[in-house]
Amino acid sequence: MPRKTDGMPFEIHPSPKKARNGRNILYVRPRSSQKISMDYLDDHCAKHYALRPGELTRAFRAFIQATGYYLSKGYRIETLIGSFAPKIGLKRELTDPDEVKNYDVQFEGIEYKSVKEFEKSVLSWLHGFRRVNNPNVQQLMADKDHLNKALKKNLELYHGFVTARSFSYYANITYYSARKQLDEWCKGENPRLLKSKRGQEYIYTEI
């Protein structure tokens, strides 16, 4: 049977959850190496959708400024591609509503919910799926030499610190596995890394 050449390429990874047979339950995700830039998308729309070069980028920048203003006021914004809403939370654990002060609240990001029309657009272009060979994460996690080399390279490039996202890239493992390994290096009497929070993410600093 000829190998499928179209369709969305996907990878297979083990999840932390175990099945009845004791093995990790699998999950799939789009191939992680696939990425296009805003410039590429802008050029594509200029060639195929009668937009001027740079027009899409300018529209997106205006969209970010306008939605940022209204999101900061607490509005949910309905658009052609879906709705956006501010996500907020408490900085500390509280149980009494009377104790909650303005400074206890923090911005935690933006919630996005797509509309059916946007999803139908994806389906109209989708021609099935095709599996691509991705690294065996379990084998890579067991290869201590590979993990140490990835950590060393990451620390050199980031001048002494690393994040789970950057480590997952250089170690070629999932974000969950990267975070698990980095947390492990923070434990014990002689930890290799120190974990601290910076903004909305955790960073791991070399000790």
N, C-alpha and C. Protein backbone atom coordinates (compact mmCIF):
# COMPACT_ATOMS: atom_id res chain seq x y z
N MET A 1 0.84 -1.19 0.00
CA MET A 1 0.00 0.00 0.00
C MET A 1 0.88 1.25 0.00
N PRO A 2 0.66 2.20 -0.93
CA PRO A 2 1.49 3.41 -0.97
C PRO A 2 1.34 4.24 0.29
N ARG A 3 2.43 4.89 0.70
CA ARG A 3 2.42 5.71 1.91
C ARG A 3 1.62 6.98 1.67
N LYS A 4 0.77 7.33 2.63
CA LYS A 4 -0.07 8.52 2.52
C LYS A 4 0.82 9.76 2.56
N THR A 5 0.60 10.66 1.59
CA THR A 5 1.44 11.86 1.49
C THR A 5 0.69 13.14 1.83
N ASP A 6 -0.65 13.06 1.93
CA ASP A 6 -1.40 14.25 2.32
C ASP A 6 -1.97 14.03 3.72
N GLY A 7 -2.83 14.91 4.16
CA GLY A 7 -3.39 14.78 5.50
C GLY A 7 -2.51 15.45 6.53
N MET A 8 -3.09 15.71 7.69
CA MET A 8 -2.36 16.36 8.77
C MET A 8 -1.37 15.38 9.40
N PRO A 9 -0.07 15.72 9.42
CA PRO A 9 0.90 14.82 10.05
C PRO A 9 0.76 14.86 11.57
N PHE A 10 0.77 13.68 12.19
CA PHE A 10 0.62 13.62 13.64
C PHE A 10 1.67 12.72 14.26
N GLU A 11 1.93 12.99 15.54
CA GLU A 11 2.87 12.20 16.33
C GLU A 11 2.11 11.44 17.40
N ILE A 12 2.70 10.36 17.88
CA ILE A 12 2.12 9.56 18.96
C ILE A 12 3.02 9.67 20.18
N HIS A 13 2.42 9.97 21.33
CA HIS A 13 3.18 10.10 22.58
C HIS A 13 2.47 9.38 23.71
N PRO A 14 3.21 8.90 24.71
CA PRO A 14 2.57 8.31 25.89
C PRO A 14 2.13 9.39 26.87
N SER A 15 0.98 9.23 27.47
CA SER A 15 0.50 10.17 28.48
C SER A 15 0.91 9.65 29.86
N PRO A 16 0.77 10.45 30.91
CA PRO A 16 1.11 9.98 32.26
C PRO A 16 0.15 8.91 32.78
N LYS A 17 -1.04 8.83 32.20
CA LYS A 17 -2.05 7.89 32.69
C LYS A 17 -1.74 6.46 32.25
N LYS A 18 -2.05 5.52 33.13
CA LYS A 18 -1.82 4.11 32.85
C LYS A 18 -3.12 3.41 32.46
N ALA A 19 -3.00 2.45 31.55
CA ALA A 19 -4.13 1.62 31.17
C ALA A 19 -4.19 0.41 32.10
N ARG A 20 -5.19 -0.43 31.92
CA ARG A 20 -5.34 -1.62 32.77
C ARG A 20 -4.17 -2.57 32.63
N ASN A 21 -3.53 -2.56 31.48
CA ASN A 21 -2.38 -3.45 31.27
C ASN A 21 -1.10 -2.89 31.85
N GLY A 22 -1.17 -1.71 32.51
CA GLY A 22 0.00 -1.13 33.14
C GLY A 22 0.83 -0.24 32.25
N ARG A 23 0.49 -0.17 30.97
CA ARG A 23 1.26 0.65 30.03
C ARG A 23 0.63 2.04 29.93
N ASN A 24 1.43 3.01 29.50
CA ASN A 24 0.94 4.38 29.37
C ASN A 24 -0.08 4.49 28.25
N ILE A 25 -1.18 5.21 28.52
CA ILE A 25 -2.18 5.47 27.49
C ILE A 25 -1.59 6.47 26.50
N LEU A 26 -1.82 6.22 25.22
CA LEU A 26 -1.25 7.07 24.19
C LEU A 26 -2.15 8.27 23.88
N TYR A 27 -1.53 9.33 23.38
CA TYR A 27 -2.28 10.45 22.83
C TYR A 27 -1.58 10.92 21.56
N VAL A 28 -2.29 11.63 20.71
CA VAL A 28 -1.71 12.12 19.46
C VAL A 28 -1.75 13.64 19.45
N ARG A 29 -0.84 14.23 18.68
CA ARG A 29 -0.81 15.68 18.51
C ARG A 29 -0.23 15.99 17.13
N PRO A 30 -0.52 17.17 16.57
CA PRO A 30 0.09 17.53 15.28
C PRO A 30 1.61 17.55 15.40
N ARG A 31 2.30 17.26 14.30
CA ARG A 31 3.76 17.22 14.33
C ARG A 31 4.31 18.52 14.88
N SER A 32 5.13 18.43 15.91
CA SER A 32 5.57 19.60 16.66
C SER A 32 6.51 20.50 15.87
N SER A 33 7.19 19.97 14.85
CA SER A 33 8.15 20.78 14.11
C SER A 33 7.50 21.72 13.11
N GLN A 34 6.19 21.59 12.89
CA GLN A 34 5.52 22.41 11.89
C GLN A 34 5.18 23.79 12.45
N LYS A 35 5.63 24.80 11.75
CA LYS A 35 5.36 26.17 12.19
C LYS A 35 5.50 27.11 10.99
N ILE A 36 4.62 28.09 10.90
CA ILE A 36 4.78 29.13 9.90
C ILE A 36 4.74 30.48 10.61
N SER A 37 5.39 31.45 10.01
CA SER A 37 5.50 32.77 10.63
C SER A 37 4.36 33.68 10.16
N MET A 38 4.23 34.82 10.84
CA MET A 38 3.23 35.81 10.45
C MET A 38 3.56 36.36 9.07
N ASP A 39 4.85 36.53 8.78
CA ASP A 39 5.25 37.02 7.46
C ASP A 39 4.83 36.06 6.36
N TYR A 40 4.97 34.77 6.62
CA TYR A 40 4.58 33.76 5.63
C TYR A 40 3.07 33.81 5.39
N LEU A 41 2.30 33.91 6.48
CA LEU A 41 0.85 33.98 6.37
C LEU A 41 0.42 35.25 5.65
N ASP A 42 1.12 36.34 5.94
CA ASP A 42 0.83 37.61 5.27
C ASP A 42 1.07 37.49 3.77
N ASP A 43 2.20 36.90 3.38
CA ASP A 43 2.51 36.72 1.96
C ASP A 43 1.48 35.82 1.28
N HIS A 44 1.06 34.78 1.97
CA HIS A 44 0.07 33.85 1.42
C HIS A 44 -1.24 34.57 1.12
N CYS A 45 -1.70 35.38 2.08
CA CYS A 45 -2.96 36.10 1.90
C CYS A 45 -2.85 37.17 0.81
N ALA A 46 -1.66 37.76 0.66
CA ALA A 46 -1.45 38.75 -0.40
C ALA A 46 -1.51 38.10 -1.77
N LYS A 47 -1.04 36.86 -1.87
CA LYS A 47 -1.02 36.15 -3.15
C LYS A 47 -2.38 35.56 -3.51
N HIS A 48 -3.13 35.10 -2.51
CA HIS A 48 -4.34 34.32 -2.78
C HIS A 48 -5.65 35.00 -2.41
N TYR A 49 -5.61 36.08 -1.59
CA TYR A 49 -6.85 36.67 -1.13
C TYR A 49 -6.93 38.18 -1.37
N ALA A 50 -6.22 38.65 -2.37
CA ALA A 50 -6.32 40.04 -2.83
C ALA A 50 -6.04 41.07 -1.74
N LEU A 51 -5.13 40.73 -0.82
CA LEU A 51 -4.70 41.71 0.18
C LEU A 51 -3.39 42.32 -0.24
N ARG A 52 -3.13 43.54 0.21
CA ARG A 52 -1.85 44.18 -0.07
C ARG A 52 -0.78 43.56 0.84
N PRO A 53 0.46 43.49 0.38
CA PRO A 53 1.53 42.98 1.25
C PRO A 53 1.60 43.78 2.55
N GLY A 54 1.63 43.08 3.66
CA GLY A 54 1.70 43.73 4.97
C GLY A 54 0.35 44.10 5.55
N GLU A 55 -0.71 44.00 4.76
CA GLU A 55 -2.03 44.43 5.23
C GLU A 55 -2.54 43.54 6.37
N LEU A 56 -2.32 42.23 6.25
CA LEU A 56 -2.78 41.32 7.29
C LEU A 56 -2.04 41.59 8.60
N THR A 57 -0.74 41.81 8.52
CA THR A 57 0.05 42.09 9.72
C THR A 57 -0.43 43.38 10.40
N ARG A 58 -0.67 44.41 9.59
CA ARG A 58 -1.16 45.67 10.15
C ARG A 58 -2.52 45.49 10.81
N ALA A 59 -3.38 44.67 10.18
CA ALA A 59 -4.70 44.42 10.75
C ALA A 59 -4.59 43.67 12.08
N PHE A 60 -3.68 42.71 12.14
CA PHE A 60 -3.48 41.96 13.38
C PHE A 60 -2.96 42.86 14.50
N ARG A 61 -2.04 43.75 14.15
CA ARG A 61 -1.50 44.67 15.16
C ARG A 61 -2.58 45.60 15.68
N ALA A 62 -3.44 46.07 14.79
CA ALA A 62 -4.56 46.92 15.22
C ALA A 62 -5.53 46.11 16.08
N PHE A 63 -5.75 44.84 15.69
CA PHE A 63 -6.63 43.95 16.45
C PHE A 63 -6.10 43.74 17.87
N ILE A 64 -4.79 43.52 17.99
CA ILE A 64 -4.19 43.32 19.30
C ILE A 64 -4.36 44.55 20.18
N GLN A 65 -4.13 45.72 19.61
CA GLN A 65 -4.27 46.95 20.38
C GLN A 65 -5.72 47.18 20.83
N ALA A 66 -6.64 47.00 19.90
CA ALA A 66 -8.05 47.26 20.21
C ALA A 66 -8.61 46.24 21.21
N THR A 67 -8.34 44.96 20.97
CA THR A 67 -8.85 43.93 21.89
C THR A 67 -8.16 44.01 23.24
N GLY A 68 -6.87 44.38 23.23
CA GLY A 68 -6.17 44.53 24.50
C GLY A 68 -6.82 45.57 25.38
N TYR A 69 -7.27 46.66 24.75
CA TYR A 69 -7.94 47.73 25.49
C TYR A 69 -9.23 47.22 26.13
N TYR A 70 -10.07 46.56 25.33
CA TYR A 70 -11.37 46.11 25.85
C TYR A 70 -11.25 44.92 26.79
N LEU A 71 -10.27 44.06 26.56
CA LEU A 71 -10.05 42.95 27.49
C LEU A 71 -9.61 43.47 28.85
N SER A 72 -8.84 44.56 28.85
CA SER A 72 -8.38 45.15 30.11
C SER A 72 -9.54 45.73 30.91
N LYS A 73 -10.68 45.98 30.24
CA LYS A 73 -11.88 46.49 30.92
C LYS A 73 -12.81 45.35 31.35
N GLY A 74 -12.41 44.12 31.02
CA GLY A 74 -13.20 42.97 31.45
C GLY A 74 -14.21 42.47 30.44
N TYR A 75 -14.18 43.00 29.22
CA TYR A 75 -15.14 42.58 28.20
C TYR A 75 -14.77 41.24 27.59
N ARG A 76 -15.79 40.48 27.20
CA ARG A 76 -15.61 39.33 26.30
C ARG A 76 -15.82 39.85 24.89
N ILE A 77 -14.93 39.50 23.98
CA ILE A 77 -14.98 40.03 22.63
C ILE A 77 -15.35 38.93 21.64
N GLU A 78 -16.40 39.15 20.88
CA GLU A 78 -16.86 38.19 19.88
C GLU A 78 -16.31 38.60 18.51
N THR A 79 -15.65 37.68 17.83
CA THR A 79 -15.06 37.97 16.52
C THR A 79 -15.45 36.89 15.51
N LEU A 80 -15.01 37.04 14.27
CA LEU A 80 -15.30 36.06 13.23
C LEU A 80 -14.61 34.73 13.48
N ILE A 81 -13.51 34.74 14.23
CA ILE A 81 -12.80 33.49 14.48
C ILE A 81 -13.09 32.91 15.87
N GLY A 82 -13.86 33.64 16.68
CA GLY A 82 -14.19 33.14 18.01
C GLY A 82 -14.24 34.25 19.04
N SER A 83 -14.39 33.85 20.29
CA SER A 83 -14.50 34.83 21.37
C SER A 83 -13.25 34.82 22.24
N PHE A 84 -12.94 36.00 22.77
CA PHE A 84 -11.78 36.19 23.65
C PHE A 84 -12.26 36.81 24.96
N ALA A 85 -11.72 36.34 26.06
CA ALA A 85 -12.11 36.88 27.36
C ALA A 85 -10.91 36.90 28.29
N PRO A 86 -10.82 37.90 29.17
CA PRO A 86 -9.69 37.94 30.11
C PRO A 86 -9.85 36.84 31.17
N LYS A 87 -8.75 36.23 31.54
CA LYS A 87 -8.73 35.22 32.59
C LYS A 87 -8.01 35.79 33.79
N ILE A 88 -8.69 35.82 34.94
CA ILE A 88 -8.09 36.38 36.16
C ILE A 88 -8.17 35.36 37.28
N GLY A 89 -7.38 35.56 38.31
CA GLY A 89 -7.38 34.66 39.45
C GLY A 89 -6.83 35.35 40.67
N LEU A 90 -6.84 34.65 41.79
CA LEU A 90 -6.32 35.19 43.04
C LEU A 90 -4.85 34.81 43.23
N LYS A 91 -4.07 35.74 43.76
CA LYS A 91 -2.64 35.49 43.99
C LYS A 91 -2.40 34.55 45.17
N ARG A 92 -3.36 34.49 46.08
CA ARG A 92 -3.20 33.66 47.27
C ARG A 92 -4.50 32.95 47.59
N GLU A 93 -4.42 31.94 48.43
CA GLU A 93 -5.60 31.16 48.79
C GLU A 93 -6.42 31.90 49.84
N LEU A 94 -7.68 32.16 49.50
CA LEU A 94 -8.58 32.88 50.40
C LEU A 94 -9.91 32.15 50.50
N THR A 95 -10.57 32.25 51.65
CA THR A 95 -11.87 31.60 51.85
C THR A 95 -12.96 32.58 52.25
N ASP A 96 -12.57 33.76 52.70
CA ASP A 96 -13.53 34.78 53.14
C ASP A 96 -13.61 35.88 52.08
N PRO A 97 -14.78 36.06 51.43
CA PRO A 97 -14.92 37.10 50.40
C PRO A 97 -14.55 38.49 50.89
N ASP A 98 -14.77 38.76 52.18
CA ASP A 98 -14.45 40.08 52.72
C ASP A 98 -12.95 40.35 52.78
N GLU A 99 -12.14 39.29 52.69
CA GLU A 99 -10.69 39.45 52.75
C GLU A 99 -10.07 39.75 51.38
N VAL A 100 -10.85 39.56 50.33
CA VAL A 100 -10.32 39.75 48.98
C VAL A 100 -10.17 41.24 48.68
N LYS A 101 -8.93 41.66 48.41
CA LYS A 101 -8.63 43.05 48.06
C LYS A 101 -8.30 43.14 46.58
N ASN A 102 -8.32 44.37 46.07
CA ASN A 102 -8.02 44.57 44.65
C ASN A 102 -6.65 44.01 44.26
N TYR A 103 -5.67 44.18 45.15
CA TYR A 103 -4.31 43.75 44.83
C TYR A 103 -4.14 42.23 44.91
N ASP A 104 -5.18 41.52 45.39
CA ASP A 104 -5.12 40.06 45.44
C ASP A 104 -5.42 39.42 44.08
N VAL A 105 -5.94 40.22 43.16
CA VAL A 105 -6.34 39.69 41.85
C VAL A 105 -5.22 39.90 40.84
N GLN A 106 -5.01 38.90 39.98
CA GLN A 106 -3.98 39.01 38.95
C GLN A 106 -4.50 38.53 37.60
N PHE A 107 -3.92 39.07 36.55
CA PHE A 107 -4.25 38.67 35.17
C PHE A 107 -3.52 37.37 34.86
N GLU A 108 -4.23 36.37 34.32
CA GLU A 108 -3.65 35.06 34.08
C GLU A 108 -3.71 34.63 32.62
N GLY A 109 -4.02 35.56 31.73
CA GLY A 109 -4.01 35.21 30.32
C GLY A 109 -5.34 35.51 29.64
N ILE A 110 -5.48 34.96 28.44
CA ILE A 110 -6.68 35.18 27.63
C ILE A 110 -7.32 33.85 27.26
N GLU A 111 -8.59 33.72 27.52
CA GLU A 111 -9.33 32.53 27.13
C GLU A 111 -9.86 32.71 25.71
N TYR A 112 -9.73 31.66 24.92
CA TYR A 112 -10.20 31.71 23.54
C TYR A 112 -11.12 30.53 23.25
N LYS A 113 -12.22 30.80 22.57
CA LYS A 113 -13.15 29.77 22.16
C LYS A 113 -13.49 29.98 20.69
N SER A 114 -13.17 28.99 19.86
CA SER A 114 -13.39 29.14 18.42
C SER A 114 -14.87 29.04 18.08
N VAL A 115 -15.23 29.56 16.90
CA VAL A 115 -16.59 29.44 16.41
C VAL A 115 -16.66 28.30 15.40
N LYS A 116 -17.87 27.79 15.16
CA LYS A 116 -18.06 26.66 14.26
C LYS A 116 -17.59 26.97 12.85
N GLU A 117 -17.80 28.21 12.40
CA GLU A 117 -17.40 28.58 11.05
C GLU A 117 -15.89 28.44 10.85
N PHE A 118 -15.12 28.80 11.87
CA PHE A 118 -13.67 28.68 11.83
C PHE A 118 -13.26 27.20 11.77
N GLU A 119 -13.91 26.40 12.58
CA GLU A 119 -13.62 24.96 12.60
C GLU A 119 -14.01 24.30 11.29
N LYS A 120 -15.12 24.76 10.69
CA LYS A 120 -15.54 24.21 9.39
C LYS A 120 -14.52 24.54 8.31
N SER A 121 -13.89 25.70 8.42
CA SER A 121 -12.85 26.07 7.45
C SER A 121 -11.69 25.09 7.50
N VAL A 122 -11.30 24.69 8.71
CA VAL A 122 -10.23 23.70 8.86
C VAL A 122 -10.66 22.38 8.24
N LEU A 123 -11.88 21.95 8.54
CA LEU A 123 -12.38 20.68 8.02
C LEU A 123 -12.48 20.68 6.49
N SER A 124 -12.75 21.84 5.91
CA SER A 124 -12.88 21.91 4.46
C SER A 124 -11.55 21.66 3.76
N TRP A 125 -10.44 21.93 4.46
CA TRP A 125 -9.10 21.72 3.90
C TRP A 125 -8.49 20.40 4.34
N LEU A 126 -9.08 19.77 5.34
CA LEU A 126 -8.50 18.57 5.95
C LEU A 126 -8.74 17.33 5.09
N HIS A 127 -7.69 16.60 4.81
CA HIS A 127 -7.79 15.37 4.02
C HIS A 127 -7.23 14.20 4.82
N GLY A 128 -7.83 13.97 5.97
CA GLY A 128 -7.39 12.86 6.81
C GLY A 128 -6.12 13.17 7.58
N PHE A 129 -5.50 12.12 8.05
CA PHE A 129 -4.30 12.25 8.88
C PHE A 129 -3.24 11.26 8.41
N ARG A 130 -1.99 11.58 8.70
CA ARG A 130 -0.91 10.64 8.38
C ARG A 130 0.10 10.65 9.51
N ARG A 131 0.48 9.46 9.90
CA ARG A 131 1.42 9.31 11.00
C ARG A 131 2.85 9.60 10.55
N VAL A 132 3.59 10.32 11.39
CA VAL A 132 5.01 10.55 11.15
C VAL A 132 5.80 9.91 12.29
N ASN A 133 6.99 9.49 11.99
CA ASN A 133 7.82 8.86 13.01
C ASN A 133 8.42 9.91 13.93
N ASN A 134 8.07 9.85 15.16
CA ASN A 134 8.60 10.77 16.15
C ASN A 134 9.42 10.00 17.17
N PRO A 135 10.33 10.66 17.87
CA PRO A 135 11.18 9.96 18.84
C PRO A 135 10.36 9.27 19.93
N ASN A 136 10.87 8.17 20.42
CA ASN A 136 10.25 7.46 21.54
C ASN A 136 10.63 8.20 22.83
N VAL A 137 9.66 8.92 23.38
CA VAL A 137 9.94 9.76 24.54
C VAL A 137 10.41 8.95 25.73
N GLN A 138 9.84 7.76 25.92
CA GLN A 138 10.23 6.93 27.05
C GLN A 138 11.69 6.52 26.96
N GLN A 139 12.14 6.20 25.73
CA GLN A 139 13.55 5.85 25.55
C GLN A 139 14.45 7.05 25.80
N LEU A 140 14.04 8.22 25.31
CA LEU A 140 14.83 9.43 25.52
C LEU A 140 14.91 9.80 27.00
N MET A 141 13.80 9.61 27.72
CA MET A 141 13.79 9.92 29.14
C MET A 141 14.70 8.98 29.92
N ALA A 142 14.90 7.79 29.41
CA ALA A 142 15.78 6.82 30.07
C ALA A 142 17.24 7.03 29.70
N ASP A 143 17.50 7.84 28.69
CA ASP A 143 18.87 8.09 28.23
C ASP A 143 19.42 9.31 28.98
N LYS A 144 20.09 9.07 30.09
CA LYS A 144 20.58 10.15 30.94
C LYS A 144 21.63 11.00 30.24
N ASP A 145 22.45 10.37 29.39
CA ASP A 145 23.46 11.12 28.66
C ASP A 145 22.80 12.12 27.70
N HIS A 146 21.74 11.69 27.03
CA HIS A 146 21.00 12.57 26.12
C HIS A 146 20.38 13.74 26.87
N LEU A 147 19.78 13.48 28.03
CA LEU A 147 19.15 14.53 28.81
C LEU A 147 20.17 15.53 29.34
N ASN A 148 21.32 15.02 29.79
CA ASN A 148 22.36 15.90 30.31
C ASN A 148 22.93 16.81 29.22
N LYS A 149 23.11 16.27 28.02
CA LYS A 149 23.62 17.06 26.91
C LYS A 149 22.61 18.15 26.52
N ALA A 150 21.32 17.78 26.52
CA ALA A 150 20.28 18.75 26.18
C ALA A 150 20.21 19.87 27.22
N LEU A 151 20.34 19.50 28.49
CA LEU A 151 20.32 20.50 29.56
C LEU A 151 21.53 21.44 29.44
N LYS A 152 22.71 20.86 29.21
CA LYS A 152 23.93 21.66 29.09
C LYS A 152 23.81 22.66 27.94
N LYS A 153 23.31 22.20 26.79
CA LYS A 153 23.17 23.08 25.63
C LYS A 153 22.16 24.18 25.92
N ASN A 154 21.06 23.82 26.57
CA ASN A 154 20.01 24.79 26.89
C ASN A 154 20.52 25.85 27.86
N LEU A 155 21.26 25.43 28.88
CA LEU A 155 21.80 26.37 29.86
C LEU A 155 22.81 27.32 29.23
N GLU A 156 23.60 26.82 28.28
CA GLU A 156 24.57 27.67 27.60
C GLU A 156 23.88 28.72 26.75
N LEU A 157 22.83 28.31 26.04
CA LEU A 157 22.13 29.24 25.15
C LEU A 157 21.31 30.26 25.92
N TYR A 158 20.78 29.87 27.08
CA TYR A 158 19.93 30.76 27.86
C TYR A 158 20.67 31.36 29.06
N HIS A 159 22.01 31.26 29.04
CA HIS A 159 22.85 31.92 30.05
C HIS A 159 22.50 31.51 31.48
N GLY A 160 22.40 30.21 31.71
CA GLY A 160 22.27 29.71 33.07
C GLY A 160 20.88 29.35 33.55
N PHE A 161 19.87 29.49 32.70
CA PHE A 161 18.53 29.06 33.11
C PHE A 161 17.84 28.35 31.95
N VAL A 162 16.76 27.66 32.28
CA VAL A 162 16.04 26.87 31.29
C VAL A 162 14.56 26.86 31.66
N THR A 163 13.69 26.69 30.68
CA THR A 163 12.26 26.53 30.92
C THR A 163 11.85 25.16 30.42
N ALA A 164 10.70 24.69 30.85
CA ALA A 164 10.21 23.39 30.40
C ALA A 164 10.00 23.39 28.89
N ARG A 165 9.55 24.50 28.35
CA ARG A 165 9.30 24.58 26.91
C ARG A 165 10.60 24.51 26.11
N SER A 166 11.61 25.25 26.54
CA SER A 166 12.87 25.22 25.80
C SER A 166 13.58 23.88 25.96
N PHE A 167 13.51 23.29 27.16
CA PHE A 167 14.15 21.99 27.37
C PHE A 167 13.47 20.89 26.57
N SER A 168 12.14 20.97 26.44
CA SER A 168 11.41 19.97 25.64
C SER A 168 11.86 20.03 24.19
N TYR A 169 12.20 21.23 23.72
CA TYR A 169 12.65 21.39 22.34
C TYR A 169 14.03 20.77 22.14
N TYR A 170 14.98 21.09 23.01
CA TYR A 170 16.35 20.62 22.83
C TYR A 170 16.50 19.14 23.19
N ALA A 171 15.64 18.63 24.08
CA ALA A 171 15.70 17.21 24.42
C ALA A 171 14.80 16.36 23.52
N ASN A 172 13.97 17.05 22.70
CA ASN A 172 13.07 16.37 21.77
C ASN A 172 12.06 15.49 22.51
N ILE A 173 11.54 16.01 23.61
CA ILE A 173 10.55 15.30 24.40
C ILE A 173 9.33 16.19 24.60
N THR A 174 8.27 15.64 25.19
CA THR A 174 7.06 16.43 25.39
C THR A 174 7.25 17.45 26.52
N TYR A 175 6.38 18.44 26.53
CA TYR A 175 6.43 19.48 27.56
C TYR A 175 6.26 18.86 28.95
N TYR A 176 5.32 17.92 29.07
CA TYR A 176 5.08 17.27 30.37
C TYR A 176 6.33 16.54 30.84
N SER A 177 6.96 15.78 29.93
CA SER A 177 8.16 15.02 30.29
C SER A 177 9.31 15.96 30.65
N ALA A 178 9.41 17.08 29.92
CA ALA A 178 10.47 18.05 30.21
C ALA A 178 10.29 18.64 31.60
N ARG A 179 9.07 19.02 31.93
CA ARG A 179 8.79 19.60 33.25
C ARG A 179 9.06 18.58 34.35
N LYS A 180 8.68 17.34 34.10
CA LYS A 180 8.89 16.27 35.09
C LYS A 180 10.38 16.07 35.36
N GLN A 181 11.19 16.07 34.30
CA GLN A 181 12.63 15.88 34.46
C GLN A 181 13.27 17.07 35.15
N LEU A 182 12.89 18.27 34.77
CA LEU A 182 13.45 19.47 35.41
C LEU A 182 13.10 19.52 36.90
N ASP A 183 11.87 19.15 37.23
CA ASP A 183 11.47 19.12 38.65
C ASP A 183 12.30 18.08 39.42
N GLU A 184 12.62 16.98 38.75
CA GLU A 184 13.41 15.93 39.39
C GLU A 184 14.82 16.44 39.71
N TRP A 185 15.37 17.26 38.83
CA TRP A 185 16.70 17.82 39.06
C TRP A 185 16.71 18.87 40.16
N CYS A 186 15.53 19.28 40.62
CA CYS A 186 15.44 20.26 41.71
C CYS A 186 15.36 19.58 43.08
N LYS A 187 15.25 18.27 43.10
CA LYS A 187 15.06 17.53 44.35
C LYS A 187 16.38 17.00 44.90
N GLY A 188 16.32 16.46 46.11
CA GLY A 188 17.47 15.82 46.72
C GLY A 188 18.34 16.76 47.54
N GLU A 189 19.36 16.19 48.16
CA GLU A 189 20.26 16.98 49.00
C GLU A 189 21.17 17.87 48.16
N ASN A 190 21.48 17.43 46.95
CA ASN A 190 22.35 18.21 46.07
C ASN A 190 21.65 18.45 44.73
N PRO A 191 20.64 19.32 44.72
CA PRO A 191 19.90 19.57 43.47
C PRO A 191 20.77 20.28 42.44
N ARG A 192 20.48 20.02 41.17
CA ARG A 192 21.23 20.66 40.08
C ARG A 192 20.61 21.99 39.68
N LEU A 193 19.26 22.10 39.90
CA LEU A 193 18.54 23.29 39.46
C LEU A 193 17.70 23.87 40.58
N LEU A 194 17.43 25.16 40.48
CA LEU A 194 16.54 25.85 41.41
C LEU A 194 15.33 26.35 40.62
N LYS A 195 14.13 26.03 41.08
CA LYS A 195 12.90 26.39 40.38
C LYS A 195 12.31 27.67 40.97
N SER A 196 11.96 28.61 40.12
CA SER A 196 11.33 29.86 40.57
C SER A 196 10.36 30.34 39.49
N LYS A 197 9.41 31.18 39.89
CA LYS A 197 8.40 31.65 38.95
C LYS A 197 8.77 33.01 38.40
N ARG A 198 8.61 33.15 37.08
CA ARG A 198 8.85 34.42 36.41
C ARG A 198 7.66 34.71 35.51
N GLY A 199 6.84 35.66 35.92
CA GLY A 199 5.63 35.96 35.17
C GLY A 199 4.66 34.79 35.23
N GLN A 200 4.30 34.25 34.05
CA GLN A 200 3.34 33.16 33.99
C GLN A 200 4.00 31.79 33.83
N GLU A 201 5.33 31.73 33.89
CA GLU A 201 6.01 30.45 33.72
C GLU A 201 7.08 30.25 34.77
N TYR A 202 7.52 29.00 34.91
CA TYR A 202 8.60 28.67 35.84
C TYR A 202 9.92 28.60 35.09
N ILE A 203 10.97 29.09 35.72
CA ILE A 203 12.30 28.96 35.16
C ILE A 203 13.15 28.12 36.11
N TYR A 204 14.11 27.43 35.56
CA TYR A 204 15.00 26.57 36.32
C TYR A 204 16.42 27.10 36.15
N THR A 205 17.02 27.52 37.27
CA THR A 205 18.33 28.15 37.24
C THR A 205 19.39 27.16 37.70
N GLU A 206 20.53 27.17 37.04
CA GLU A 206 21.64 26.29 37.41
C GLU A 206 22.20 26.71 38.76
N ILE A 207 22.43 25.74 39.62
CA ILE A 207 22.98 26.02 40.95
C ILE A 207 24.51 25.90 40.90
